[in-house]
Structure formats: C-alpha cells, structure tokens
Amino acid sequence: MNVHGIKAIYRFEMARTFRTITQSIASPVLSTSLYFVVFGAAIGSRMGDVDGVSYGAFIIPGLLMLSLLNESISNASFGIYMPKWAGTIYELLSAPVSPLEVVLGYVGAAATKSVMLGVLILVTARLFVPYHIAHPLWMLAFLLLTSVSFSLFGFIIGLWADDFQKLQVIPLMIVTPLTFLGGAFYSISMLPPVWQKIALFNPVVYLISGFRWSFYGLSDVNVGISVAATLGFLALCLLAVWWIFRTGYKLKA
C-alpha cells in the first residue's frame, strides 16, 4: 500500500479546508448556532421538557446529526468532483495510487473534517444550552461511524455527478428532509401511532435515536438496532465503492 500517496491526498484535502475555513468550518458552525439561539434559547425556554430533558438540550444530537450528514457528504463529494471538473484529475491518474488508496485519502480527510466540525458544534452548543453526555465513548463511536459512512456516501455521489447540480440533489432533496423528519427536533413518540410506524421506515431515525441515547440515555428505538443500522449503512457504502471500481470504473475529467 502506498502510504505516502494516501497521506498526500489527505494533506491536500485538509489544506483545502483550512484555505476555505470560512466556508468549510465557520459557516456550518454559525448556521447551527442560529438553531441553538432560536430553538434552544428563545423557543426552548418556553417549552416543557422532553422525557425529562430540556428542549434546548434535547435537540443538540439532532442538530449535530443534521450538520454531520450534510457536511460529510459535501466534503467528500466536492473533494473528488473538483479535480474532475478542473481537469487536475489527470495528476491523480498518473500517480502510483490504487482506487483503495484514493478512497482512503479522500474519505479519511472528509471524515476528519466532519469530526472536527462536530466537536466545534458541541463546544458552541455549550455557550447556549447546558447539556451532559451520558455515554461519551458511544457518542464518539456514533460520531466516527456516521462521519465515515456518509463521507463514503458523498464520495460515491462525487463519482456519479457530472455537474454541480447533481452534487446538491441528494443532500438537499433527500438527506435534509429525512433528517428533519427523523426526529431532529422532536421525539417520534410525540407523533400519532400511524406516523410513528411510518417514521420507522426513515433510516435517519435510527442514527439520531442512537446518537441521542449516547447523550441522555433516551432513544426512540432500541440502541442495538441503531448501531446495526449505522454499521449496515457503512457496509453498504463500502460494498458500493468496491463494486464501482470492481466493474472497471475509471476516474476521468
């Protein structure tokens, strides 16, 4: 394995993040902070507790997951798409790196950015809403698994996309609505029975529920199912990337 090639791709992507730190880091942190101000400090102070947790604290895992999913996809998809669009992909194609090493470099960098963003959002949330983390190791596990899984998903989108519009279709039209409907701002137990059953078909419900359990010990579904769903999505993305390159896909501008 060409470790130097992986490190070169990883460092290049991380350097790109710090060159565009306002867009990559500051913008999503600021956007999430506005949610904390409006829903946490302003509206949350006038609402009752949810299962014994203040509303402002209750929405922290959901808001963190909302940012995590979108940024993981965006970081990885733009990372591999931009060289295709700019024509600099030929530098990568001429380098002695395998598809696996390309995936490790781009996905590793995207996941690292997402974890950094998640930590910054948690620190920022403390300025607006007091909260505690009941299971910190599980919280880190969910954070890492989700970041890697959706960075892989974003990498697949970047391979598939042939214009900027396609890069935005899935995050804006599918992932964001599923996150809002997946219990980011509420517990699905608040829904009528019929809608509770329908909500269980939303895969993001399991991600948010497991993540919220790591904070407060509360979950809408069994935490074991949440872990299995997260690992299952990761395995599905890994299989999809393997199949893409196994069938002879070639990176090209």
Protein backbone atom coordinates (compact mmCIF):
# COMPACT_ATOMS: atom_id res chain seq x y z
CA MET A 1 0.00 0.00 0.00
CA ASN A 2 1.25 3.45 -0.97
CA VAL A 3 1.06 5.20 2.40
CA HIS A 4 2.79 8.30 1.03
CA GLY A 5 0.11 8.61 -1.67
CA ILE A 6 -2.69 8.37 0.90
CA LYS A 7 -1.02 10.97 3.10
CA ALA A 8 -0.52 13.31 0.13
CA ILE A 9 -4.22 13.19 -0.79
CA TYR A 10 -5.23 13.53 2.85
CA ARG A 11 -2.96 16.52 3.46
CA PHE A 12 -4.07 18.23 0.26
CA GLU A 13 -7.73 17.92 1.23
CA MET A 14 -7.09 19.12 4.78
CA ALA A 15 -5.09 22.07 3.44
CA ARG A 16 -8.03 22.94 1.17
CA THR A 17 -10.27 23.02 4.23
CA PHE A 18 -8.05 25.50 6.04
CA ARG A 19 -7.73 27.64 2.91
CA THR A 20 -11.53 27.91 2.83
CA ILE A 21 -12.09 27.84 6.58
CA THR A 22 -14.95 30.36 6.44
CA GLN A 23 -16.95 28.14 4.10
CA SER A 24 -15.82 24.77 5.46
CA ILE A 25 -15.93 25.37 9.22
CA ALA A 26 -17.25 28.79 10.21
CA SER A 27 -20.38 28.74 8.02
CA PRO A 28 -21.87 25.42 9.28
CA VAL A 29 -20.98 26.26 12.91
CA LEU A 30 -22.68 29.66 12.58
CA SER A 31 -25.74 28.14 10.90
CA THR A 32 -26.12 25.56 13.67
CA SER A 33 -25.59 28.26 16.31
CA LEU A 34 -28.62 30.09 14.91
CA TYR A 35 -30.70 26.98 15.53
CA PHE A 36 -29.47 26.92 19.11
CA VAL A 37 -30.35 30.61 19.55
CA VAL A 38 -33.84 30.28 18.05
CA PHE A 39 -34.93 26.79 19.11
CA GLY A 40 -32.75 26.37 22.17
CA ALA A 41 -32.52 29.68 23.97
CA ALA A 42 -35.60 31.53 22.63
CA ILE A 43 -38.30 28.93 21.92
CA GLY A 44 -36.83 26.18 24.07
CA SER A 45 -37.03 28.27 27.24
CA ARG A 46 -40.81 28.50 26.74
CA MET A 47 -41.34 24.80 26.08
CA GLY A 48 -41.56 21.95 28.54
CA ASP A 49 -39.04 19.17 28.98
CA VAL A 50 -38.97 16.21 26.61
CA ASP A 51 -38.63 12.97 28.59
CA GLY A 52 -37.01 14.93 31.43
CA VAL A 53 -34.54 16.78 29.18
CA SER A 54 -34.86 20.49 28.41
CA TYR A 55 -35.91 21.12 24.82
CA GLY A 56 -32.76 23.09 24.04
CA ALA A 57 -30.58 20.18 25.14
CA PHE A 58 -32.87 17.61 23.52
CA ILE A 59 -32.32 18.98 20.00
CA ILE A 60 -28.50 19.06 20.24
CA PRO A 61 -27.97 15.49 18.92
CA GLY A 62 -30.43 16.10 16.08
CA LEU A 63 -28.83 19.39 15.04
CA LEU A 64 -25.38 17.86 15.26
CA MET A 65 -26.51 14.95 13.09
CA LEU A 66 -28.07 17.38 10.58
CA SER A 67 -24.74 19.18 10.15
CA LEU A 68 -22.73 15.96 10.23
CA LEU A 69 -24.67 14.25 7.44
CA ASN A 70 -24.67 17.24 5.10
CA GLU A 71 -21.05 18.22 5.68
CA SER A 72 -19.74 14.66 5.38
CA ILE A 73 -21.47 14.27 2.03
CA SER A 74 -20.44 17.72 0.84
CA ASN A 75 -16.78 17.40 1.84
CA ALA A 76 -16.27 14.03 0.18
CA SER A 77 -18.32 14.72 -2.97
CA PHE A 78 -16.66 18.08 -3.68
CA GLY A 79 -13.26 16.61 -2.85
CA ILE A 80 -13.37 14.07 -5.66
CA TYR A 81 -15.57 16.08 -8.05
CA MET A 82 -13.47 19.26 -8.15
CA PRO A 83 -10.41 17.56 -9.72
CA LYS A 84 -12.74 16.03 -12.33
CA TRP A 85 -14.29 19.42 -13.07
CA ALA A 86 -10.97 21.32 -13.14
CA GLY A 87 -9.12 18.67 -15.12
CA THR A 88 -6.50 18.13 -12.43
CA ILE A 89 -7.72 14.55 -12.01
CA TYR A 90 -5.00 13.56 -14.51
CA GLU A 91 -2.38 14.29 -11.86
CA LEU A 92 -4.09 11.71 -9.65
CA LEU A 93 -4.45 9.23 -12.51
CA SER A 94 -0.75 9.47 -13.33
CA ALA A 95 0.27 8.90 -9.71
CA PRO A 96 1.07 5.36 -8.46
CA VAL A 97 -2.03 5.10 -6.26
CA SER A 98 -4.74 2.45 -6.35
CA PRO A 99 -8.52 3.08 -6.09
CA LEU A 100 -8.39 1.91 -2.45
CA GLU A 101 -5.71 4.46 -1.63
CA VAL A 102 -7.70 7.21 -3.35
CA VAL A 103 -10.77 6.30 -1.28
CA LEU A 104 -8.76 6.22 1.95
CA GLY A 105 -7.24 9.63 1.27
CA TYR A 106 -10.43 11.46 0.28
CA VAL A 107 -12.83 9.75 2.67
CA GLY A 108 -10.34 9.96 5.55
CA ALA A 109 -9.97 13.71 5.05
CA ALA A 110 -13.73 14.25 4.70
CA ALA A 111 -14.45 12.24 7.85
CA THR A 112 -11.77 14.15 9.77
CA LYS A 113 -13.34 17.47 8.77
CA SER A 114 -16.76 16.23 9.88
CA VAL A 115 -15.47 15.09 13.28
CA MET A 116 -13.73 18.45 13.75
CA LEU A 117 -16.96 20.22 12.86
CA GLY A 118 -18.95 18.02 15.24
CA VAL A 119 -16.61 18.83 18.13
CA LEU A 120 -16.79 22.57 17.36
CA ILE A 121 -20.60 22.44 17.28
CA LEU A 122 -20.65 20.66 20.65
CA VAL A 123 -18.39 23.33 22.13
CA THR A 124 -20.55 26.08 20.61
CA ALA A 125 -23.74 24.48 21.94
CA ARG A 126 -22.37 24.78 25.47
CA LEU A 127 -22.49 28.58 25.07
CA PHE A 128 -26.27 28.47 24.58
CA VAL A 129 -27.61 25.33 26.23
CA PRO A 130 -26.35 23.26 29.19
CA TYR A 131 -26.13 19.55 28.40
CA HIS A 132 -24.38 16.38 29.50
CA ILE A 133 -23.13 13.27 27.72
CA ALA A 134 -24.16 10.07 29.49
CA HIS A 135 -22.11 7.72 27.28
CA PRO A 136 -19.13 9.67 25.85
CA LEU A 137 -17.46 6.63 24.27
CA TRP A 138 -20.66 5.68 22.46
CA MET A 139 -21.08 9.29 21.40
CA LEU A 140 -17.62 9.25 19.83
CA ALA A 141 -18.37 5.91 18.20
CA PHE A 142 -21.57 7.21 16.61
CA LEU A 143 -19.77 10.39 15.58
CA LEU A 144 -16.96 8.46 13.85
CA LEU A 145 -19.20 5.84 12.25
CA THR A 146 -21.61 8.42 10.89
CA SER A 147 -18.79 10.62 9.58
CA VAL A 148 -17.07 7.75 7.78
CA SER A 149 -20.33 6.26 6.43
CA PHE A 150 -21.65 9.49 4.94
CA SER A 151 -18.22 10.54 3.70
CA LEU A 152 -18.18 7.29 1.73
CA PHE A 153 -21.69 8.08 0.52
CA GLY A 154 -20.53 11.54 -0.53
CA PHE A 155 -17.54 10.04 -2.37
CA ILE A 156 -19.96 7.86 -4.35
CA ILE A 157 -22.04 10.93 -5.21
CA GLY A 158 -18.88 12.72 -6.35
CA LEU A 159 -18.02 9.82 -8.67
CA TRP A 160 -21.56 9.76 -10.06
CA ALA A 161 -22.03 13.51 -10.54
CA ASP A 162 -21.11 15.13 -13.83
CA ASP A 163 -22.25 18.65 -12.88
CA PHE A 164 -22.66 20.76 -9.75
CA GLN A 165 -26.43 20.31 -9.73
CA LYS A 166 -26.13 16.57 -9.18
CA LEU A 167 -23.82 17.18 -6.21
CA GLN A 168 -26.66 19.02 -4.45
CA VAL A 169 -29.67 16.91 -5.42
CA ILE A 170 -29.32 14.10 -2.89
CA PRO A 171 -28.22 16.21 0.13
CA LEU A 172 -30.91 18.86 -0.42
CA MET A 173 -33.79 16.74 -1.74
CA ILE A 174 -33.31 13.54 0.27
CA VAL A 175 -30.90 13.74 3.21
CA THR A 176 -32.04 17.09 4.70
CA PRO A 177 -35.80 16.27 4.58
CA LEU A 178 -35.17 12.82 6.06
CA THR A 179 -33.18 14.42 8.89
CA PHE A 180 -35.90 16.96 9.70
CA LEU A 181 -38.50 14.16 9.61
CA GLY A 182 -36.24 11.79 11.53
CA GLY A 183 -36.68 13.32 14.97
CA ALA A 184 -34.06 16.06 14.91
CA PHE A 185 -36.43 18.45 16.68
CA TYR A 186 -38.80 16.03 18.36
CA SER A 187 -39.24 12.50 19.61
CA ILE A 188 -41.20 10.31 17.24
CA SER A 189 -43.17 9.13 20.29
CA MET A 190 -44.92 12.53 20.07
CA LEU A 191 -46.40 11.56 16.71
CA PRO A 192 -49.75 9.80 16.24
CA PRO A 193 -49.40 6.00 16.23
CA VAL A 194 -49.74 5.69 12.46
CA TRP A 195 -47.00 8.26 11.83
CA GLN A 196 -44.76 6.61 14.41
CA LYS A 197 -44.86 3.43 12.34
CA ILE A 198 -44.25 5.34 9.12
CA ALA A 199 -41.31 7.18 10.71
CA LEU A 200 -39.58 3.86 11.39
CA PHE A 201 -39.06 3.50 7.63
CA ASN A 202 -36.85 6.60 7.76
CA PRO A 203 -33.23 5.38 8.20
CA VAL A 204 -32.13 8.68 9.76
CA VAL A 205 -34.44 7.98 12.72
CA TYR A 206 -32.06 5.22 13.83
CA LEU A 207 -28.98 7.45 13.53
CA ILE A 208 -30.49 10.31 15.54
CA SER A 209 -32.05 7.98 18.10
CA GLY A 210 -28.77 6.20 18.79
CA PHE A 211 -26.88 9.46 18.95
CA ARG A 212 -29.42 10.96 21.36
CA TRP A 213 -29.17 7.85 23.54
CA SER A 214 -25.41 8.41 23.87
CA PHE A 215 -26.18 11.87 25.29
CA TYR A 216 -29.15 11.32 27.58
CA GLY A 217 -29.88 7.60 27.67
CA LEU A 218 -33.11 8.26 25.72
CA SER A 219 -33.98 6.69 22.40
CA ASP A 220 -36.99 6.17 20.15
CA VAL A 221 -35.72 2.76 19.02
CA ASN A 222 -33.51 0.15 20.63
CA VAL A 223 -29.90 1.33 20.65
CA GLY A 224 -28.76 -2.05 19.33
CA ILE A 225 -30.90 -1.50 16.24
CA SER A 226 -29.39 1.97 15.84
CA VAL A 227 -25.85 0.56 15.96
CA ALA A 228 -26.80 -2.18 13.49
CA ALA A 229 -28.38 0.37 11.12
CA THR A 230 -25.27 2.57 11.22
CA LEU A 231 -22.94 -0.36 10.61
CA GLY A 232 -25.25 -1.66 7.90
CA PHE A 233 -25.14 1.65 6.03
CA LEU A 234 -21.35 1.73 6.34
CA ALA A 235 -21.13 -1.81 4.95
CA LEU A 236 -23.48 -0.89 2.10
CA CYS A 237 -21.35 2.12 1.14
CA LEU A 238 -18.15 0.05 1.29
CA LEU A 239 -19.78 -2.58 -0.93
CA ALA A 240 -20.94 0.09 -3.38
CA VAL A 241 -17.44 1.62 -3.65
CA TRP A 242 -15.92 -1.84 -4.13
CA TRP A 243 -18.48 -2.69 -6.83
CA ILE A 244 -17.91 0.64 -8.65
CA PHE A 245 -14.18 0.03 -9.03
CA ARG A 246 -14.58 -3.74 -9.44
CA THR A 247 -16.74 -3.20 -12.53
CA GLY A 248 -13.98 -1.17 -14.17
CA TYR A 249 -14.97 2.39 -13.32
CA LYS A 250 -12.24 4.81 -14.32
CA LEU A 251 -11.74 8.27 -12.86
CA LYS A 252 -11.84 10.85 -15.62
CA ALA A 253 -12.42 14.57 -16.09
